[in-house]
Amino acid sequence: MTKMLVQKHFKDQSIGAAIKEFFQAYHLEEKVNETQLIHSWEKVLGTLIANHTRDLKIRNKILFVKIDSPALRNELIYQKEKILNSLNGEVNAKVIEDIVFN
């Protein structure tokens, strides 16, 4: 798009709508959602659990989480589906389909 066309196109939109369209056009929305999901980990699971987790990464819609406590890892495995739904709900998108606790 030329500069003039871009200006005209975004002139009649709200800033939020223009940013959303920009993210979609450049395929950035998925990365933004992944980043928001990772940053929501402590909010969803609480400070105690967040203090025992490291290296949250998303690859191919799978969240990988390192846990420093075997007992906590087992508890989180039992709660995996609930955690998955809560994290996706936090960003209002299906960002992850599975969680792997290491």
C-alpha atoms as a PDB file:
ATOM      1  CA  MET A   1       0.000   0.000   0.000  1.00  0.00           C
ATOM      2  CA  THR A   2       1.186   3.455  -0.701  1.00  0.00           C
ATOM      3  CA  LYS A   3       1.461   5.964   2.106  1.00  0.00           C
ATOM      4  CA  MET A   4      -1.556   7.934   0.885  1.00  0.00           C
ATOM      5  CA  LEU A   5      -3.691   4.812   0.530  1.00  0.00           C
ATOM      6  CA  VAL A   6      -2.703   3.632   4.020  1.00  0.00           C
ATOM      7  CA  GLN A   7      -3.540   7.017   5.516  1.00  0.00           C
ATOM      8  CA  LYS A   8      -6.931   7.090   3.800  1.00  0.00           C
ATOM      9  CA  HIS A   9      -7.670   3.481   4.750  1.00  0.00           C
ATOM     10  CA  PHE A  10      -6.911   3.999   8.453  1.00  0.00           C
ATOM     11  CA  LYS A  11      -8.397   7.510   8.673  1.00  0.00           C
ATOM     12  CA  ASP A  12     -11.936   6.277   9.269  1.00  0.00           C
ATOM     13  CA  GLN A  13     -11.003   3.559  11.787  1.00  0.00           C
ATOM     14  CA  SER A  14     -10.437   3.677  15.509  1.00  0.00           C
ATOM     15  CA  ILE A  15      -6.835   3.205  16.595  1.00  0.00           C
ATOM     16  CA  GLY A  16      -7.696  -0.178  18.101  1.00  0.00           C
ATOM     17  CA  ALA A  17      -9.284  -1.406  14.883  1.00  0.00           C
ATOM     18  CA  ALA A  18      -6.362  -0.130  12.820  1.00  0.00           C
ATOM     19  CA  ILE A  19      -3.844  -1.883  15.076  1.00  0.00           C
ATOM     20  CA  LYS A  20      -5.825  -5.122  14.958  1.00  0.00           C
ATOM     21  CA  GLU A  21      -6.001  -4.962  11.170  1.00  0.00           C
ATOM     22  CA  PHE A  22      -2.267  -4.237  10.984  1.00  0.00           C
ATOM     23  CA  PHE A  23      -1.481  -7.265  13.185  1.00  0.00           C
ATOM     24  CA  GLN A  24      -3.698  -9.483  11.050  1.00  0.00           C
ATOM     25  CA  ALA A  25      -2.200  -8.207   7.796  1.00  0.00           C
ATOM     26  CA  TYR A  26       1.328  -8.978   8.969  1.00  0.00           C
ATOM     27  CA  HIS A  27       0.411 -12.208  10.808  1.00  0.00           C
ATOM     28  CA  LEU A  28       1.467 -10.795  14.169  1.00  0.00           C
ATOM     29  CA  GLU A  29      -1.762 -11.500  16.047  1.00  0.00           C
ATOM     30  CA  GLU A  30      -0.754 -15.082  16.907  1.00  0.00           C
ATOM     31  CA  LYS A  31       2.589 -13.962  18.379  1.00  0.00           C
ATOM     32  CA  VAL A  32       0.897 -11.216  20.384  1.00  0.00           C
ATOM     33  CA  ASN A  33      -1.629 -13.738  21.764  1.00  0.00           C
ATOM     34  CA  GLU A  34       1.197 -16.140  22.666  1.00  0.00           C
ATOM     35  CA  THR A  35       3.040 -13.377  24.505  1.00  0.00           C
ATOM     36  CA  GLN A  36      -0.124 -12.330  26.356  1.00  0.00           C
ATOM     37  CA  LEU A  37      -0.820 -15.937  27.334  1.00  0.00           C
ATOM     38  CA  ILE A  38       2.681 -16.417  28.756  1.00  0.00           C
ATOM     39  CA  HIS A  39       2.430 -13.122  30.650  1.00  0.00           C
ATOM     40  CA  SER A  40      -0.928 -14.201  32.114  1.00  0.00           C
ATOM     41  CA  TRP A  41       0.602 -17.376  33.674  1.00  0.00           C
ATOM     42  CA  GLU A  42       1.052 -15.795  37.122  1.00  0.00           C
ATOM     43  CA  LYS A  43      -2.376 -14.157  37.062  1.00  0.00           C
ATOM     44  CA  VAL A  44      -4.094 -17.451  36.190  1.00  0.00           C
ATOM     45  CA  LEU A  45      -2.066 -19.787  38.414  1.00  0.00           C
ATOM     46  CA  GLY A  46      -0.968 -17.485  41.214  1.00  0.00           C
ATOM     47  CA  THR A  47       2.357 -16.280  42.560  1.00  0.00           C
ATOM     48  CA  LEU A  48       3.214 -19.484  44.444  1.00  0.00           C
ATOM     49  CA  ILE A  49       3.060 -21.656  41.333  1.00  0.00           C
ATOM     50  CA  ALA A  50       4.669 -18.962  39.161  1.00  0.00           C
ATOM     51  CA  ASN A  51       7.635 -18.925  41.554  1.00  0.00           C
ATOM     52  CA  HIS A  52       8.226 -22.631  40.815  1.00  0.00           C
ATOM     53  CA  THR A  53       7.967 -22.384  37.022  1.00  0.00           C
ATOM     54  CA  ARG A  54      10.591 -21.365  34.480  1.00  0.00           C
ATOM     55  CA  ASP A  55      11.057 -21.104  30.722  1.00  0.00           C
ATOM     56  CA  LEU A  56       7.500 -20.929  29.438  1.00  0.00           C
ATOM     57  CA  LYS A  57       7.595 -21.379  25.663  1.00  0.00           C
ATOM     58  CA  ILE A  58       4.991 -22.017  23.008  1.00  0.00           C
ATOM     59  CA  ARG A  59       5.778 -24.144  19.983  1.00  0.00           C
ATOM     60  CA  ASN A  60       3.158 -25.476  17.562  1.00  0.00           C
ATOM     61  CA  LYS A  61       0.303 -24.564  19.934  1.00  0.00           C
ATOM     62  CA  ILE A  62       1.932 -26.468  22.829  1.00  0.00           C
ATOM     63  CA  LEU A  63       2.966 -24.640  25.997  1.00  0.00           C
ATOM     64  CA  PHE A  64       6.162 -26.046  27.517  1.00  0.00           C
ATOM     65  CA  VAL A  65       6.700 -25.264  31.203  1.00  0.00           C
ATOM     66  CA  LYS A  66       9.649 -26.203  33.412  1.00  0.00           C
ATOM     67  CA  ILE A  67       8.634 -26.950  36.999  1.00  0.00           C
ATOM     68  CA  ASP A  68      11.194 -27.171  39.812  1.00  0.00           C
ATOM     69  CA  SER A  69       9.039 -29.349  42.058  1.00  0.00           C
ATOM     70  CA  PRO A  70       8.027 -32.931  41.159  1.00  0.00           C
ATOM     71  CA  ALA A  71       5.005 -32.772  43.501  1.00  0.00           C
ATOM     72  CA  LEU A  72       3.797 -29.533  41.936  1.00  0.00           C
ATOM     73  CA  ARG A  73       4.385 -30.958  38.442  1.00  0.00           C
ATOM     74  CA  ASN A  74       2.105 -33.904  39.241  1.00  0.00           C
ATOM     75  CA  GLU A  75      -0.602 -31.614  40.606  1.00  0.00           C
ATOM     76  CA  LEU A  76      -0.453 -29.416  37.504  1.00  0.00           C
ATOM     77  CA  ILE A  77      -0.678 -32.458  35.235  1.00  0.00           C
ATOM     78  CA  TYR A  78      -3.976 -33.368  36.935  1.00  0.00           C
ATOM     79  CA  GLN A  79      -5.250 -29.822  36.419  1.00  0.00           C
ATOM     80  CA  LYS A  80      -3.927 -29.506  32.843  1.00  0.00           C
ATOM     81  CA  GLU A  81      -7.286 -29.184  31.054  1.00  0.00           C
ATOM     82  CA  LYS A  82      -8.520 -26.539  33.483  1.00  0.00           C
ATOM     83  CA  ILE A  83      -5.254 -24.590  33.171  1.00  0.00           C
ATOM     84  CA  LEU A  84      -5.381 -24.837  29.376  1.00  0.00           C
ATOM     85  CA  ASN A  85      -8.920 -23.448  29.258  1.00  0.00           C
ATOM     86  CA  SER A  86      -8.143 -20.687  31.755  1.00  0.00           C
ATOM     87  CA  LEU A  87      -5.048 -19.512  29.864  1.00  0.00           C
ATOM     88  CA  ASN A  88      -6.837 -19.505  26.503  1.00  0.00           C
ATOM     89  CA  GLY A  89      -9.779 -17.727  28.128  1.00  0.00           C
ATOM     90  CA  GLU A  90      -7.486 -15.044  29.462  1.00  0.00           C
ATOM     91  CA  VAL A  91      -6.526 -14.005  25.913  1.00  0.00           C
ATOM     92  CA  ASN A  92      -9.927 -14.818  24.346  1.00  0.00           C
ATOM     93  CA  ALA A  93      -8.341 -17.082  21.724  1.00  0.00           C
ATOM     94  CA  LYS A  94      -7.345 -20.713  21.311  1.00  0.00           C
ATOM     95  CA  VAL A  95      -3.610 -20.067  21.498  1.00  0.00           C
ATOM     96  CA  ILE A  96      -2.563 -23.435  22.945  1.00  0.00           C
ATOM     97  CA  GLU A  97      -3.948 -26.935  22.547  1.00  0.00           C
ATOM     98  CA  ASP A  98      -1.745 -28.745  25.049  1.00  0.00           C
ATOM     99  CA  ILE A  99       0.643 -28.171  27.949  1.00  0.00           C
ATOM    100  CA  VAL A 100       3.797 -30.165  28.631  1.00  0.00           C
ATOM    101  CA  PHE A 101       5.238 -29.935  32.148  1.00  0.00           C
ATOM    102  CA  ASN A 102       8.956 -30.759  32.393  1.00  0.00           C
END
